Amino acid sequence: MDRPPAADSTPLPEGQAERLPSALDPRKAELVERIKEVAEKLGRDTISRGDLKILARALRELRYAFKVFGPYRRQRKVTVFGSARTRPEAPDYQLALEFGRRMARHNWLVVTGAASGIMEAGHRGAGREHSMGINIMLPFEQYANPVIAGDQKLVHMKYFFTRKLLFVKECDAVALFPGGFGTLDECLEVLTLLQTGKRDMVPVVMLDAPGGDYWHHFQQFVRCCLLDREMISPADLALYKITSRVDQAVQELLSFYRVYHSMRYVRQHLVLRVQQPPGEELLEQLNAAFADILAEGRIELRDALPEEREDQPELNHLKRLVLHFNRRDLGRLRLLIDCLNRGRVPEECYDPNYCPDPVLSG
């Protein structure tokens, strides 16, 4: 089994260790100092050595993983989840193979758990150049698939929680294929993070091979046990799409970034960066249809806010939609982004209780 590289052990040139903190961006240096303060407090706390080992290993894993993913932050990535037990001859395997191939054609990276089954299919379709892997070290040893094994874009993790953080943090989209407990765990975690605003909005597609019923049964459960019992809101069904066609799945991911680029919060305001600004008519339609998700004020078209300019200067040229979002109706926010990408607001989106059908037709 490929083992994770050891932490960097190359000594710094003489005198560089003393100069390193002053060479850091002041804001980064402040955060590094906070980490050091926490570490010093841990040394004084009465916690067990086992707890310290968990913290030390988690920090080491995340530090190395951030270093690996860093050079690829500006390249779109889709995280693919699905069963490691799916055989190469299975329709779902072939579907994942084609999905990986199509996404690589659009220069997207395909991120998987790096094992066999659906994960291997996604990597086989994408090819080694367009594949990234986040493997988990299990007692019975989960080997990396031959496509990604030994690649510099492969990371090994001991803990599921650090691995799951990377799957969601580093992606621009999520594609789910049929799988077991792990796949369902990852599916529901992604939806939970989107529904609660703990993850910036990304498109989520669930793929079944033609004739398959895995996600059909999932959707039945969501409707009868969650929606009908008012445990979720009708608009939450906008957070994912279900299809058995690769072309629809790929189009769903690509179209999400047709106009919308990314989002962030600046104090109480939500800032949606857009690759082309909406016209006055569309902006008025968005304000009329989605007034229910505004805590106050209107949706305004603006340039980059002063607070943003130093963080990501490469995005300063993009126009922004700025709104005082209530931070509650994330399903409705997804519908707003869909309308922005389409360039129009369908009549049904004016209804705050509109319940979209996540099953893609055609």
Protein backbone atom coordinates (compact mmCIF):
# COMPACT_ATOMS: atom_id res chain seq x y z
CA MET A 1 0.00 0.00 0.00
CA ASP A 2 1.24 3.51 -0.84
CA ARG A 3 1.99 5.26 2.44
CA PRO A 4 1.66 9.02 3.02
CA PRO A 5 4.86 10.96 2.63
CA ALA A 6 6.50 11.96 5.86
CA ALA A 7 6.32 15.55 6.95
CA ASP A 8 8.93 17.76 5.30
CA SER A 9 12.28 17.09 6.94
CA THR A 10 14.61 19.15 4.72
CA PRO A 11 16.47 21.61 6.98
CA LEU A 12 16.14 25.31 6.23
CA PRO A 13 19.25 27.17 5.08
CA GLU A 14 21.22 28.74 7.91
CA GLY A 15 19.46 31.79 9.32
CA GLN A 16 16.26 31.27 7.30
CA ALA A 17 14.33 29.84 10.26
CA GLU A 18 14.70 33.14 12.09
CA ARG A 19 13.55 35.16 9.05
CA LEU A 20 10.57 32.96 8.16
CA PRO A 21 7.86 34.60 10.35
CA SER A 22 8.66 38.11 9.09
CA ALA A 23 8.45 36.88 5.48
CA LEU A 24 4.87 35.73 5.98
CA ASP A 25 1.86 37.80 5.02
CA PRO A 26 0.97 39.59 8.30
CA ARG A 27 -2.51 38.08 8.34
CA LYS A 28 -1.10 34.58 7.84
CA ALA A 29 1.54 35.20 10.50
CA GLU A 30 -1.20 36.10 12.96
CA LEU A 31 -2.98 32.81 12.33
CA VAL A 32 0.27 30.85 12.67
CA GLU A 33 0.77 32.51 16.05
CA ARG A 34 -2.72 31.45 17.07
CA ILE A 35 -1.88 27.85 16.19
CA LYS A 36 1.27 28.09 18.28
CA GLU A 37 -0.70 29.51 21.22
CA VAL A 38 -3.16 26.61 21.03
CA ALA A 39 -0.28 24.13 20.91
CA GLU A 40 1.30 25.71 24.00
CA LYS A 41 -2.02 25.54 25.86
CA LEU A 42 -2.33 21.86 24.94
CA GLY A 43 0.98 21.26 26.64
CA ARG A 44 -0.42 22.75 29.85
CA ASP A 45 -3.83 21.07 29.68
CA THR A 46 -4.56 17.80 31.44
CA ILE A 47 -5.51 15.88 28.32
CA SER A 48 -4.33 12.41 27.43
CA ARG A 49 -1.45 11.56 25.14
CA GLY A 50 -3.98 9.82 22.89
CA ASP A 51 -5.91 13.08 22.41
CA LEU A 52 -2.67 14.88 21.58
CA LYS A 53 -1.82 12.22 19.00
CA ILE A 54 -5.19 12.77 17.28
CA LEU A 55 -4.63 16.52 17.11
CA ALA A 56 -1.03 16.20 15.95
CA ARG A 57 -1.88 13.67 13.23
CA ALA A 58 -4.92 15.64 12.02
CA LEU A 59 -2.89 18.85 11.75
CA ARG A 60 -0.09 17.05 9.93
CA GLU A 61 -2.52 15.44 7.47
CA LEU A 62 -4.35 18.67 6.72
CA ARG A 63 -1.14 20.65 6.34
CA TYR A 64 0.21 18.19 3.78
CA ALA A 65 -3.12 17.91 1.94
CA PHE A 66 -3.45 21.70 1.64
CA LYS A 67 0.07 21.74 0.20
CA VAL A 68 -0.89 19.12 -2.41
CA PHE A 69 -4.15 20.80 -3.40
CA GLY A 70 -2.71 24.32 -3.36
CA PRO A 71 -1.37 24.39 -6.94
CA TYR A 72 -4.76 23.23 -8.28
CA ARG A 73 -7.02 25.70 -6.45
CA ARG A 74 -7.86 27.61 -9.63
CA GLN A 75 -8.79 24.48 -11.59
CA ARG A 76 -12.37 23.24 -11.27
CA LYS A 77 -12.74 19.91 -9.49
CA VAL A 78 -15.60 17.46 -9.07
CA THR A 79 -15.65 15.03 -6.17
CA VAL A 80 -17.01 11.61 -7.13
CA PHE A 81 -18.53 9.30 -4.50
CA GLY A 82 -19.72 5.72 -4.99
CA SER A 83 -19.19 2.11 -4.02
CA ALA A 84 -15.73 0.56 -3.96
CA ARG A 85 -17.43 -2.81 -4.64
CA THR A 86 -18.86 -1.95 -8.07
CA ARG A 87 -17.43 -4.30 -10.67
CA PRO A 88 -15.97 -3.07 -14.01
CA GLU A 89 -18.71 -4.81 -15.97
CA ALA A 90 -21.50 -3.12 -13.97
CA PRO A 91 -23.55 -0.36 -15.67
CA ASP A 92 -22.79 2.06 -12.83
CA TYR A 93 -19.05 1.54 -13.34
CA GLN A 94 -19.38 2.28 -17.05
CA LEU A 95 -21.45 5.38 -16.23
CA ALA A 96 -18.76 6.68 -13.87
CA LEU A 97 -16.10 5.91 -16.48
CA GLU A 98 -17.87 8.02 -19.07
CA PHE A 99 -18.58 10.79 -16.56
CA GLY A 100 -14.87 11.05 -15.68
CA ARG A 101 -13.96 11.11 -19.36
CA ARG A 102 -16.43 13.91 -20.12
CA MET A 103 -15.32 16.08 -17.18
CA ALA A 104 -11.66 15.71 -18.14
CA ARG A 105 -12.50 16.93 -21.64
CA HIS A 106 -13.64 20.15 -20.00
CA ASN A 107 -10.34 20.27 -18.07
CA TRP A 108 -11.94 19.47 -14.72
CA LEU A 109 -10.06 17.37 -12.17
CA VAL A 110 -11.85 14.29 -10.85
CA VAL A 111 -11.33 13.76 -7.11
CA THR A 112 -12.21 10.38 -5.60
CA GLY A 113 -11.34 8.20 -2.63
CA ALA A 114 -8.71 6.60 -4.90
CA ALA A 115 -9.82 3.01 -4.29
CA SER A 116 -11.58 0.52 -6.59
CA GLY A 117 -15.13 0.44 -7.97
CA ILE A 118 -16.73 3.78 -8.81
CA MET A 119 -13.62 5.61 -7.62
CA GLU A 120 -11.40 3.74 -10.04
CA ALA A 121 -13.93 4.22 -12.84
CA GLY A 122 -13.93 7.98 -12.37
CA HIS A 123 -10.14 8.03 -12.50
CA ARG A 124 -9.93 5.69 -15.46
CA GLY A 125 -12.27 7.92 -17.40
CA ALA A 126 -10.45 11.12 -16.45
CA GLY A 127 -6.94 9.70 -16.86
CA ARG A 128 -4.02 10.20 -14.48
CA GLU A 129 -3.40 13.83 -15.47
CA HIS A 130 -6.95 14.85 -14.52
CA SER A 131 -7.24 12.69 -11.39
CA MET A 132 -6.70 13.49 -7.72
CA GLY A 133 -7.13 11.01 -4.87
CA ILE A 134 -7.76 11.12 -1.13
CA ASN A 135 -7.25 7.59 0.11
CA ILE A 136 -8.14 6.29 3.57
CA MET A 137 -5.77 4.06 5.52
CA LEU A 138 -7.82 1.14 6.83
CA PRO A 139 -6.77 -1.84 9.00
CA PHE A 140 -7.40 -4.17 6.07
CA GLU A 141 -5.53 -1.76 3.76
CA GLN A 142 -7.39 0.01 1.02
CA TYR A 143 -4.96 0.16 -1.88
CA ALA A 144 -4.94 3.07 -4.29
CA ASN A 145 -6.22 2.16 -7.74
CA PRO A 146 -3.59 1.78 -10.48
CA VAL A 147 -4.59 5.03 -12.21
CA ILE A 148 -3.65 7.27 -9.27
CA ALA A 149 -1.19 5.09 -7.30
CA GLY A 150 2.13 6.85 -6.79
CA ASP A 151 0.89 10.13 -8.25
CA GLN A 152 1.85 13.41 -6.55
CA LYS A 153 -1.85 14.34 -6.56
CA LEU A 154 -2.68 11.43 -4.22
CA VAL A 155 -3.06 12.05 -0.49
CA HIS A 156 -3.40 9.36 2.22
CA MET A 157 -5.41 10.06 5.35
CA LYS A 158 -5.72 8.17 8.62
CA TYR A 159 -8.94 9.82 9.73
CA PHE A 160 -12.27 9.92 7.93
CA PHE A 161 -13.07 13.39 9.29
CA THR A 162 -9.99 15.00 7.72
CA ARG A 163 -10.62 13.12 4.49
CA LYS A 164 -14.26 14.21 4.34
CA LEU A 165 -13.26 17.81 4.98
CA LEU A 166 -11.01 17.74 1.93
CA PHE A 167 -13.59 16.07 -0.30
CA VAL A 168 -16.03 18.90 0.32
CA LYS A 169 -13.69 21.85 0.86
CA GLU A 170 -11.65 21.35 -2.30
CA CYS A 171 -14.42 20.67 -4.80
CA ASP A 172 -16.53 22.80 -7.14
CA ALA A 173 -19.15 20.09 -7.67
CA VAL A 174 -20.19 16.69 -6.34
CA ALA A 175 -21.25 13.61 -8.33
CA LEU A 176 -22.80 10.68 -6.47
CA PHE A 177 -23.14 7.15 -7.79
CA PRO A 178 -24.83 4.20 -5.99
CA GLY A 179 -22.92 2.99 -2.96
CA GLY A 180 -23.08 1.76 0.61
CA PHE A 181 -23.06 3.39 4.02
CA GLY A 182 -20.04 5.51 3.15
CA THR A 183 -21.64 6.93 -0.01
CA LEU A 184 -24.87 7.76 1.82
CA ASP A 185 -22.87 9.33 4.65
CA GLU A 186 -21.02 11.53 2.17
CA CYS A 187 -24.22 12.35 0.30
CA LEU A 188 -26.10 13.50 3.39
CA GLU A 189 -23.12 15.39 4.76
CA VAL A 190 -22.79 17.40 1.54
CA LEU A 191 -26.53 18.18 1.53
CA THR A 192 -26.40 19.14 5.21
CA LEU A 193 -23.49 21.51 4.65
CA LEU A 194 -25.25 23.13 1.70
CA GLN A 195 -28.59 23.38 3.50
CA THR A 196 -26.99 25.04 6.54
CA GLY A 197 -24.63 27.30 4.61
CA LYS A 198 -21.50 25.66 6.00
CA ARG A 199 -20.27 25.03 2.46
CA ASP A 200 -20.37 27.55 -0.41
CA MET A 201 -22.98 26.59 -2.97
CA VAL A 202 -21.92 23.88 -5.43
CA PRO A 203 -23.95 21.70 -7.82
CA VAL A 204 -24.71 18.12 -6.73
CA VAL A 205 -25.75 15.41 -9.19
CA MET A 206 -26.85 11.85 -8.38
CA LEU A 207 -26.38 9.39 -11.22
CA ASP A 208 -28.05 6.03 -11.80
CA ALA A 209 -27.34 3.82 -14.78
CA PRO A 210 -30.33 3.71 -17.17
CA GLY A 211 -32.99 1.53 -15.57
CA GLY A 212 -31.44 1.88 -12.12
CA ASP A 213 -33.56 2.80 -9.10
CA TYR A 214 -31.02 3.64 -6.36
CA TRP A 215 -31.59 7.40 -6.33
CA HIS A 216 -35.28 6.92 -7.16
CA HIS A 217 -35.68 5.18 -3.79
CA PHE A 218 -33.60 7.90 -2.12
CA GLN A 219 -35.90 10.55 -3.56
CA GLN A 220 -38.98 8.64 -2.37
CA PHE A 221 -37.55 8.63 1.15
CA VAL A 222 -36.75 12.35 1.01
CA ARG A 223 -40.27 13.22 -0.09
CA CYS A 224 -42.29 10.96 2.19
CA CYS A 225 -40.12 10.99 5.32
CA LEU A 226 -38.52 14.43 5.21
CA LEU A 227 -40.52 16.83 3.04
CA ASP A 228 -44.03 15.55 3.86
CA ARG A 229 -43.19 15.61 7.58
CA GLU A 230 -41.84 19.18 7.25
CA MET A 231 -38.33 18.23 8.33
CA ILE A 232 -36.92 20.06 5.30
CA SER A 233 -38.19 22.98 3.24
CA PRO A 234 -39.64 22.54 -0.27
CA ALA A 235 -36.82 24.59 -1.80
CA ASP A 236 -34.21 22.23 -0.29
CA LEU A 237 -34.96 19.90 -3.20
CA ALA A 238 -33.17 22.43 -5.39
CA LEU A 239 -29.85 21.46 -3.77
CA TYR A 240 -29.41 18.34 -5.91
CA LYS A 241 -30.36 16.80 -9.24
CA ILE A 242 -30.99 13.17 -10.24
CA THR A 243 -30.32 11.73 -13.70
CA SER A 244 -29.33 8.60 -15.57
CA ARG A 245 -27.67 10.50 -18.40
CA VAL A 246 -24.04 11.57 -18.33
CA ASP A 247 -24.64 14.48 -20.70
CA GLN A 248 -27.28 15.91 -18.35
CA ALA A 249 -25.01 15.50 -15.34
CA VAL A 250 -22.10 17.21 -17.08
CA GLN A 251 -24.32 20.02 -18.34
CA GLU A 252 -25.70 20.55 -14.83
CA LEU A 253 -22.19 21.10 -13.46
CA LEU A 254 -20.96 23.28 -16.30
CA SER A 255 -24.08 25.44 -16.47
CA PHE A 256 -23.82 26.21 -12.75
CA TYR A 257 -20.69 28.26 -13.57
CA ARG A 258 -22.01 29.80 -16.79
CA VAL A 259 -22.56 33.19 -15.10
CA TYR A 260 -22.07 32.52 -11.39
CA HIS A 261 -18.43 32.27 -10.37
CA SER A 262 -18.15 32.03 -6.57
CA MET A 263 -19.41 33.50 -3.30
CA ARG A 264 -18.21 34.83 0.02
CA TYR A 265 -19.52 36.82 2.96
CA VAL A 266 -18.35 40.33 3.81
CA ARG A 267 -19.70 41.12 7.26
CA GLN A 268 -23.51 40.77 7.00
CA HIS A 269 -23.57 40.77 3.20
CA LEU A 270 -23.43 37.84 0.81
CA VAL A 271 -21.33 38.58 -2.27
CA LEU A 272 -21.97 36.58 -5.44
CA ARG A 273 -19.18 37.02 -7.96
CA VAL A 274 -20.46 36.83 -11.54
CA GLN A 275 -18.61 36.35 -14.81
CA GLN A 276 -21.01 38.67 -16.61
CA PRO A 277 -23.36 41.14 -14.95
CA PRO A 278 -27.13 40.72 -15.28
CA GLY A 279 -29.08 43.35 -17.17
CA GLU A 280 -31.37 45.78 -15.38
CA GLU A 281 -34.49 43.75 -16.25
CA LEU A 282 -33.09 40.50 -14.84
CA LEU A 283 -31.84 42.29 -11.73
CA GLU A 284 -35.36 43.64 -11.11
CA GLN A 285 -36.82 40.17 -11.62
CA LEU A 286 -34.37 38.69 -9.09
CA ASN A 287 -35.30 41.36 -6.55
CA ALA A 288 -39.01 40.72 -7.04
CA ALA A 289 -38.80 36.92 -6.97
CA PHE A 290 -36.36 36.51 -4.09
CA ALA A 291 -37.32 39.35 -1.75
CA ASP A 292 -38.25 36.64 0.79
CA ILE A 293 -34.59 35.68 1.35
CA LEU A 294 -33.41 39.22 2.03
CA ALA A 295 -33.00 40.32 5.64
CA GLU A 296 -33.25 43.90 4.37
CA GLY A 297 -32.55 46.03 1.34
CA ARG A 298 -32.19 44.90 -2.27
CA ILE A 299 -29.90 42.84 -4.45
CA GLU A 300 -27.38 45.32 -5.86
CA LEU A 301 -24.84 45.10 -8.67
CA ARG A 302 -21.46 46.36 -7.44
CA ASP A 303 -17.72 46.19 -8.02
CA ALA A 304 -15.42 44.25 -5.69
CA LEU A 305 -15.86 45.41 -2.11
CA PRO A 306 -12.82 47.01 -0.41
CA GLU A 307 -12.63 44.11 2.06
CA GLU A 308 -12.19 41.63 -0.82
CA ARG A 309 -9.50 43.34 -2.82
CA GLU A 310 -6.46 42.02 -0.95
CA ASP A 311 -7.74 38.47 -0.37
CA GLN A 312 -8.12 37.35 -3.99
CA PRO A 313 -6.94 40.16 -6.27
CA GLU A 314 -7.25 37.93 -9.33
CA LEU A 315 -11.05 38.13 -8.91
CA ASN A 316 -11.28 41.91 -8.52
CA HIS A 317 -12.35 42.39 -12.13
CA LEU A 318 -15.56 40.40 -11.61
CA LYS A 319 -18.83 42.20 -10.92
CA ARG A 320 -20.73 41.31 -7.74
CA LEU A 321 -24.33 40.80 -6.71
CA VAL A 322 -24.44 41.99 -3.09
CA LEU A 323 -27.36 41.13 -0.84
CA HIS A 324 -28.19 40.99 2.85
CA PHE A 325 -29.08 37.29 2.77
CA ASN A 326 -31.03 35.86 5.70
CA ARG A 327 -28.60 32.89 5.81
CA ARG A 328 -31.50 30.52 6.22
CA ASP A 329 -33.11 29.81 2.85
CA LEU A 330 -30.21 28.12 1.06
CA GLY A 331 -32.47 26.18 -1.28
CA ARG A 332 -33.97 29.46 -2.45
CA LEU A 333 -30.46 30.86 -2.87
CA ARG A 334 -29.66 27.95 -5.16
CA LEU A 335 -32.76 28.78 -7.22
CA LEU A 336 -31.58 32.39 -7.47
CA ILE A 337 -28.22 31.22 -8.84
CA ASP A 338 -30.02 28.99 -11.35
CA CYS A 339 -32.09 31.97 -12.54
CA LEU A 340 -28.94 34.08 -12.82
CA ASN A 341 -27.31 31.42 -14.98
CA ARG A 342 -30.40 31.03 -17.19
CA GLY A 343 -30.81 34.77 -17.61
CA ARG A 344 -34.49 34.65 -16.65
CA VAL A 345 -36.76 33.99 -13.68
CA PRO A 346 -39.48 31.35 -14.29
CA GLU A 347 -42.91 32.15 -12.87
CA GLU A 348 -42.74 29.38 -10.26
CA CYS A 349 -39.66 30.92 -8.61
CA TYR A 350 -41.75 33.88 -7.44
CA ASP A 351 -43.47 31.48 -5.02
CA PRO A 352 -41.47 31.16 -1.75
CA ASN A 353 -43.02 27.69 -1.26
CA TYR A 354 -42.12 26.41 -4.71
CA CYS A 355 -40.98 22.78 -4.57
CA PRO A 356 -38.65 21.95 -7.49
CA ASP A 357 -38.41 18.45 -8.92
CA PRO A 358 -34.77 17.30 -8.67
CA VAL A 359 -35.24 14.58 -11.31
CA LEU A 360 -33.94 15.90 -14.63
CA SER A 361 -36.28 15.10 -17.49
CA GLY A 362 -35.50 14.26 -21.09
